[in-house]
Amino acid sequence: MRNATSRILAGTLAGSLLVAASASAQSDRSDWPDNFTVGTASQGGTYFVYGSGWANLVANELGISGGGEVTGGPNQNLALVHTGNIALGLTTMGPAAEALAGQSPLAPGVPMDNVCALFPMYETPFSITALAGSGITSISDIPEGARIGFGPAASTSDTYFPAILEALGVDFERRNGGWTDLGGQLQDGLLDVIAFAAGIPIPAVSQLEVQTDVNIIEFTEEEQAQVLDAFPVAPFQIPASTYETLEEDARAVSMWNFTIAGCDLPESFIYEVTKVSMENNDRMQEVHRSAVTSIPENIDKNTVLPFHPGAVRWYEENGYEIPEERKLN
């Protein structure tokens, strides 16, 4: 009888502890947002695919409503996160540095200091695509006055690629639009070249390959060195396996991308968002294969933004060191 009573008491105690733990977990969510939005970029680009898929993963795992939203890309995402109009977003490090310094083209003179980093995404290569029938096989082949699509206005591509091509002596007419729309214009002969800055494989380029023959144009060693010297980019090789068109790796330059959040969002919420994102890399790669580099080992690629305290807590609990200068003051 005594043993039976002990078992009953033990079971009752265990049940009470589970109820208490559940209640505690619920109370931890008391200041969470009811829903969240991830700022991405235009349809046809990697940001839209990655950001929307990531939003769905987080929403499903945390049991909260969330989704991706089409935006103008990194600069607009930084502004929307800073003002609290969206909770989460995607950005590249170049625009992030400018925004933090009050040099965003969308809000000159306004330091966007309510933006915190969460985790590394991937490197954004800067690559150029033309129709095979154009005869353009190198940057030096781009004709004077060429009509070049640079993606959405104020995007990373539109912010940096025109200046890069100008530095390389290319004369062009600047065109803007979503990547899918620009791909259609290239195929219809309304554009001569598209200058992409997006994670690879770029959906719009993959779609073009299916419909027509294209040239994916690489930088020469001299062009790459000149760009590395003048812009906040790193050397990069686009693997030949990325596109059917490529027969060997293509020389390029790149810029790192990070997910971002409003610094004033609840620590417990961002801790759980980071946990889901960093502990499910296989599922992140199902969203987009560029997520192979969305791992904690790449947190050192953020040399610009402070990490959100919730993200810092997850990293430090799991043995990753965050430098003091990358913590929110």
Protein backbone atom coordinates (compact mmCIF):
# COMPACT_ATOMS: atom_id res chain seq x y z
CA MET A 1 0.00 0.00 0.00
CA ARG A 2 2.82 2.33 0.95
CA ASN A 3 4.52 1.75 -2.44
CA ALA A 4 1.29 2.37 -4.29
CA THR A 5 0.73 5.57 -2.31
CA SER A 6 4.29 6.67 -3.06
CA ARG A 7 3.74 6.08 -6.77
CA ILE A 8 0.53 8.10 -6.70
CA LEU A 9 2.23 10.95 -4.85
CA ALA A 10 5.19 10.86 -7.25
CA GLY A 11 2.86 10.92 -10.25
CA THR A 12 0.88 13.79 -8.77
CA LEU A 13 4.07 15.74 -8.08
CA ALA A 14 5.38 15.12 -11.62
CA GLY A 15 2.07 16.24 -13.08
CA SER A 16 2.14 19.38 -10.95
CA LEU A 17 5.66 20.16 -12.11
CA LEU A 18 4.63 19.74 -15.77
CA VAL A 19 1.66 22.05 -15.27
CA ALA A 20 3.91 24.59 -13.53
CA ALA A 21 6.46 24.36 -16.33
CA SER A 22 3.74 24.79 -18.94
CA ALA A 23 2.34 27.80 -17.10
CA SER A 24 5.85 29.26 -16.85
CA ALA A 25 6.37 28.77 -20.59
CA GLN A 26 3.07 30.49 -21.28
CA SER A 27 3.97 33.42 -19.00
CA ASP A 28 7.28 33.81 -20.84
CA ARG A 29 5.25 34.62 -23.96
CA SER A 30 3.17 37.33 -22.34
CA ASP A 31 5.14 40.12 -24.05
CA TRP A 32 5.57 38.35 -27.39
CA PRO A 33 4.05 39.88 -30.52
CA ASP A 34 0.81 38.28 -31.72
CA ASN A 35 2.33 37.89 -35.18
CA PHE A 36 5.45 38.87 -37.08
CA THR A 37 6.53 39.87 -40.58
CA VAL A 38 9.88 39.23 -42.28
CA GLY A 39 10.98 41.91 -44.75
CA THR A 40 12.44 40.20 -47.83
CA ALA A 41 12.83 41.75 -51.33
CA SER A 42 11.24 41.35 -54.76
CA GLN A 43 9.81 38.09 -56.05
CA GLY A 44 12.26 36.18 -58.24
CA GLY A 45 15.17 36.87 -55.88
CA THR A 46 16.74 34.73 -53.18
CA TYR A 47 15.66 37.05 -50.34
CA PHE A 48 11.99 36.41 -51.08
CA VAL A 49 12.40 32.63 -51.16
CA TYR A 50 14.71 32.48 -48.13
CA GLY A 51 12.81 35.02 -46.04
CA SER A 52 9.34 33.61 -46.70
CA GLY A 53 10.50 30.05 -46.02
CA TRP A 54 12.30 31.08 -42.84
CA ALA A 55 9.19 32.95 -41.64
CA ASN A 56 7.05 29.84 -42.19
CA LEU A 57 9.55 27.63 -40.31
CA VAL A 58 9.62 29.97 -37.30
CA ALA A 59 5.84 30.43 -37.33
CA ASN A 60 5.21 26.68 -37.41
CA GLU A 61 7.75 25.87 -34.70
CA LEU A 62 6.72 28.63 -32.31
CA GLY A 63 2.98 28.44 -32.95
CA ILE A 64 2.68 32.10 -33.89
CA SER A 65 1.39 33.71 -37.07
CA GLY A 66 4.13 35.02 -39.36
CA GLY A 67 5.12 35.42 -42.99
CA GLY A 68 7.37 37.10 -45.52
CA GLU A 69 6.62 40.44 -47.17
CA VAL A 70 7.81 41.79 -50.52
CA THR A 71 9.97 44.90 -49.98
CA GLY A 72 12.62 46.91 -51.77
CA GLY A 73 15.36 44.84 -50.14
CA PRO A 74 18.05 45.51 -47.50
CA ASN A 75 17.81 49.30 -47.23
CA GLN A 76 14.04 49.26 -46.85
CA ASN A 77 14.19 46.28 -44.47
CA LEU A 78 16.61 48.18 -42.23
CA ALA A 79 14.28 51.19 -42.15
CA LEU A 80 11.17 49.09 -41.50
CA VAL A 81 12.83 47.13 -38.68
CA HIS A 82 14.28 50.31 -37.14
CA THR A 83 10.86 51.98 -37.02
CA GLY A 84 9.10 48.86 -35.77
CA ASN A 85 6.89 48.51 -38.85
CA ILE A 86 8.15 44.95 -39.23
CA ALA A 87 9.75 42.70 -36.63
CA LEU A 88 12.34 40.84 -38.69
CA GLY A 89 14.18 41.32 -41.95
CA LEU A 90 17.13 40.43 -44.15
CA THR A 91 20.05 42.70 -45.00
CA THR A 92 23.59 42.80 -46.33
CA MET A 93 26.44 44.23 -44.29
CA GLY A 94 27.17 47.19 -46.59
CA PRO A 95 23.73 48.79 -46.28
CA ALA A 96 23.69 47.89 -42.56
CA ALA A 97 26.89 49.85 -41.94
CA GLU A 98 25.52 52.85 -43.84
CA ALA A 99 22.19 52.73 -41.99
CA LEU A 100 23.86 52.53 -38.56
CA ALA A 101 26.01 55.54 -39.48
CA GLY A 102 22.97 57.57 -40.59
CA GLN A 103 23.89 57.29 -44.26
CA SER A 104 20.95 55.25 -45.54
CA PRO A 105 19.68 56.59 -48.88
CA LEU A 106 16.15 56.22 -47.50
CA ALA A 107 16.74 58.34 -44.39
CA PRO A 108 19.92 60.42 -44.64
CA GLY A 109 21.10 61.70 -41.27
CA VAL A 110 19.05 59.20 -39.24
CA PRO A 111 21.20 56.58 -37.45
CA MET A 112 19.20 53.36 -37.50
CA ASP A 113 20.25 52.13 -34.07
CA ASN A 114 17.19 49.97 -33.34
CA VAL A 115 18.44 47.19 -35.62
CA CYS A 116 20.12 44.09 -34.17
CA ALA A 117 21.65 41.05 -35.88
CA LEU A 118 20.32 37.53 -35.37
CA PHE A 119 22.27 35.03 -37.46
CA PRO A 120 24.36 34.74 -40.65
CA MET A 121 22.59 33.80 -43.88
CA TYR A 122 24.96 33.51 -46.83
CA GLU A 123 27.25 35.53 -49.05
CA THR A 124 25.66 37.56 -51.84
CA PRO A 125 27.72 37.28 -55.01
CA PHE A 126 27.66 40.13 -57.50
CA SER A 127 27.12 38.51 -60.90
CA ILE A 128 26.17 39.58 -64.40
CA THR A 129 23.87 37.81 -66.85
CA ALA A 130 23.26 38.49 -70.55
CA LEU A 131 21.58 36.56 -73.34
CA ALA A 132 24.00 34.30 -75.21
CA GLY A 133 22.86 35.89 -78.48
CA SER A 134 24.03 39.32 -77.31
CA GLY A 135 27.69 38.41 -77.81
CA ILE A 136 28.47 39.82 -74.32
CA THR A 137 30.88 37.40 -72.67
CA SER A 138 32.88 39.78 -70.45
CA ILE A 139 32.42 43.07 -68.64
CA SER A 140 34.55 44.81 -71.25
CA ASP A 141 32.09 43.57 -73.92
CA ILE A 142 29.19 45.54 -72.42
CA PRO A 143 28.46 48.20 -75.07
CA GLU A 144 28.36 51.91 -74.39
CA GLY A 145 24.91 52.99 -73.22
CA ALA A 146 23.86 49.43 -72.39
CA ARG A 147 20.51 49.09 -70.64
CA ILE A 148 21.33 47.37 -67.35
CA GLY A 149 18.81 46.15 -64.77
CA PHE A 150 20.04 46.59 -61.19
CA GLY A 151 17.10 45.16 -59.27
CA PRO A 152 14.72 47.09 -57.00
CA ALA A 153 15.59 50.71 -56.24
CA ALA A 154 17.73 51.07 -53.09
CA SER A 155 18.46 47.33 -52.99
CA THR A 156 22.02 46.10 -52.34
CA SER A 157 22.47 45.53 -56.06
CA ASP A 158 21.14 48.98 -56.95
CA THR A 159 23.25 50.61 -54.24
CA TYR A 160 26.61 49.03 -55.12
CA PHE A 161 26.58 47.49 -58.60
CA PRO A 162 26.20 50.74 -60.58
CA ALA A 163 29.21 52.21 -58.75
CA ILE A 164 31.18 48.99 -59.30
CA LEU A 165 30.52 49.03 -63.05
CA GLU A 166 31.28 52.74 -63.28
CA ALA A 167 34.62 52.07 -61.58
CA LEU A 168 35.28 49.41 -64.23
CA GLY A 169 34.60 51.91 -67.01
CA VAL A 170 31.14 50.69 -68.09
CA ASP A 171 28.76 53.31 -69.52
CA PHE A 172 25.09 52.36 -69.08
CA GLU A 173 21.45 53.33 -68.71
CA ARG A 174 20.19 52.38 -65.27
CA ARG A 175 16.95 50.38 -64.96
CA ASN A 176 15.18 49.15 -61.83
CA GLY A 177 12.55 46.53 -61.08
CA GLY A 178 11.91 43.18 -59.48
CA TRP A 179 14.21 40.35 -60.54
CA THR A 180 11.47 38.35 -62.24
CA ASP A 181 10.33 41.39 -64.20
CA LEU A 182 13.89 42.25 -65.22
CA GLY A 183 14.47 38.67 -66.33
CA GLY A 184 11.46 38.97 -68.61
CA GLN A 185 12.76 42.27 -70.00
CA LEU A 186 16.15 40.71 -70.72
CA GLN A 187 14.51 37.83 -72.56
CA ASP A 188 12.34 40.26 -74.56
CA GLY A 189 15.35 42.34 -75.60
CA LEU A 190 14.39 45.37 -73.50
CA LEU A 191 17.58 45.04 -71.43
CA ASP A 192 21.12 44.20 -72.46
CA VAL A 193 22.39 42.98 -69.10
CA ILE A 194 21.15 42.25 -65.58
CA ALA A 195 23.57 42.95 -62.72
CA PHE A 196 22.48 40.67 -59.88
CA ALA A 197 23.42 40.89 -56.23
CA ALA A 198 21.54 37.97 -54.71
CA GLY A 199 22.11 34.63 -53.06
CA ILE A 200 22.74 31.76 -55.43
CA PRO A 201 21.15 30.10 -57.23
CA ILE A 202 19.14 33.17 -58.21
CA PRO A 203 15.61 31.97 -59.12
CA ALA A 204 15.33 34.46 -61.99
CA VAL A 205 18.60 33.21 -63.57
CA SER A 206 17.58 29.56 -63.14
CA GLN A 207 14.29 30.38 -64.86
CA LEU A 208 16.08 32.16 -67.73
CA GLU A 209 18.30 29.12 -68.24
CA VAL A 210 15.22 26.97 -68.78
CA GLN A 211 13.77 29.34 -71.37
CA THR A 212 16.81 30.57 -73.31
CA ASP A 213 20.61 30.49 -73.58
CA VAL A 214 22.43 32.89 -71.30
CA ASN A 215 25.97 33.98 -70.49
CA ILE A 216 26.95 34.30 -66.84
CA ILE A 217 29.81 36.78 -66.89
CA GLU A 218 32.68 36.65 -64.43
CA PHE A 219 35.13 39.32 -63.29
CA THR A 220 38.68 39.11 -64.58
CA GLU A 221 41.41 38.88 -61.94
CA GLU A 222 42.26 42.56 -62.56
CA GLU A 223 38.62 43.65 -62.33
CA GLN A 224 38.10 41.68 -59.14
CA ALA A 225 41.21 43.20 -57.54
CA GLN A 226 40.08 46.72 -58.48
CA VAL A 227 36.63 46.18 -56.96
CA LEU A 228 38.03 44.59 -53.78
CA ASP A 229 40.22 47.64 -53.29
CA ALA A 230 37.36 50.13 -53.69
CA PHE A 231 34.26 48.52 -52.12
CA PRO A 232 33.25 46.62 -48.91
CA VAL A 233 33.19 43.22 -50.63
CA ALA A 234 35.12 39.94 -50.48
CA PRO A 235 36.43 37.59 -53.19
CA PHE A 236 34.03 34.83 -54.21
CA GLN A 237 33.77 31.93 -56.65
CA ILE A 238 30.35 30.97 -58.02
CA PRO A 239 30.53 27.15 -58.14
CA ALA A 240 30.02 25.64 -61.58
CA SER A 241 27.32 23.41 -60.08
CA THR A 242 25.14 26.46 -59.37
CA TYR A 243 23.84 26.83 -62.93
CA GLU A 244 23.57 24.59 -65.98
CA THR A 245 25.23 27.36 -68.02
CA LEU A 246 28.49 27.35 -66.04
CA GLU A 247 31.19 24.90 -67.08
CA GLU A 248 33.65 26.04 -64.40
CA ASP A 249 33.65 28.23 -61.31
CA ALA A 250 33.08 31.92 -62.05
CA ARG A 251 35.12 34.67 -60.37
CA ALA A 252 33.02 37.25 -58.50
CA VAL A 253 32.84 39.41 -55.37
CA SER A 254 30.38 39.07 -52.51
CA MET A 255 28.87 40.64 -49.40
CA TRP A 256 27.56 38.81 -46.31
CA ASN A 257 23.87 38.76 -45.37
CA PHE A 258 22.35 38.57 -41.88
CA THR A 259 18.86 38.35 -40.50
CA ILE A 260 17.89 41.32 -38.36
CA ALA A 261 15.34 42.20 -35.69
CA GLY A 262 14.22 45.25 -33.79
CA CYS A 263 16.50 45.58 -30.75
CA ASP A 264 13.46 46.30 -28.57
CA LEU A 265 11.74 42.98 -29.30
CA PRO A 266 11.41 40.66 -26.25
CA GLU A 267 14.58 38.72 -25.45
CA SER A 268 12.67 35.47 -24.94
CA PHE A 269 11.02 35.77 -28.37
CA ILE A 270 14.29 36.37 -30.21
CA TYR A 271 15.99 33.61 -28.20
CA GLU A 272 13.41 31.14 -29.50
CA VAL A 273 13.62 32.50 -33.07
CA THR A 274 17.41 32.08 -32.98
CA LYS A 275 17.11 28.61 -31.45
CA VAL A 276 14.75 27.39 -34.19
CA SER A 277 16.94 28.89 -36.92
CA MET A 278 20.29 27.64 -35.65
CA GLU A 279 19.19 24.16 -34.55
CA ASN A 280 17.41 23.20 -37.79
CA ASN A 281 19.94 23.79 -40.56
CA ASP A 282 18.68 20.80 -42.55
CA ARG A 283 15.24 22.38 -42.68
CA MET A 284 16.72 25.80 -43.45
CA GLN A 285 18.46 24.24 -46.46
CA GLU A 286 15.10 22.86 -47.58
CA VAL A 287 13.96 26.50 -47.73
CA HIS A 288 16.96 27.48 -49.87
CA ARG A 289 20.22 25.65 -50.35
CA SER A 290 22.23 28.82 -49.70
CA ALA A 291 21.34 28.26 -46.03
CA VAL A 292 24.22 25.77 -45.90
CA THR A 293 26.21 28.72 -44.49
CA SER A 294 23.43 29.80 -42.09
CA ILE A 295 25.33 28.35 -39.14
CA PRO A 296 26.63 29.78 -35.85
CA GLU A 297 30.25 29.35 -36.93
CA ASN A 298 29.73 32.32 -39.29
CA ILE A 299 28.61 34.85 -36.67
CA ASP A 300 32.06 36.48 -36.94
CA LYS A 301 31.07 37.75 -40.40
CA ASN A 302 28.98 40.41 -38.66
CA THR A 303 31.41 43.27 -38.05
CA VAL A 304 28.75 45.98 -38.06
CA LEU A 305 25.59 45.45 -36.00
CA PRO A 306 25.08 44.53 -32.34
CA PHE A 307 23.52 41.12 -31.82
CA HIS A 308 20.10 41.05 -30.15
CA PRO A 309 20.37 40.02 -26.46
CA GLY A 310 18.13 37.04 -27.16
CA ALA A 311 20.48 35.84 -29.88
CA VAL A 312 23.51 36.48 -27.65
CA ARG A 313 21.97 34.29 -24.94
CA TRP A 314 21.48 31.37 -27.35
CA TYR A 315 25.02 31.65 -28.77
CA GLU A 316 26.68 31.85 -25.37
CA GLU A 317 24.61 28.97 -23.96
CA ASN A 318 25.85 26.89 -26.88
CA GLY A 319 29.53 27.76 -26.58
CA TYR A 320 29.85 30.58 -29.12
CA GLU A 321 31.57 33.77 -28.02
CA ILE A 322 30.13 37.16 -28.95
CA PRO A 323 32.69 40.02 -28.73
CA GLU A 324 31.73 42.79 -26.32
CA GLU A 325 31.67 45.33 -29.16
CA ARG A 326 28.96 43.24 -30.87
CA LYS A 327 26.69 43.30 -27.80
CA LEU A 328 23.93 45.87 -27.35
CA ASN A 329 24.97 48.66 -24.98
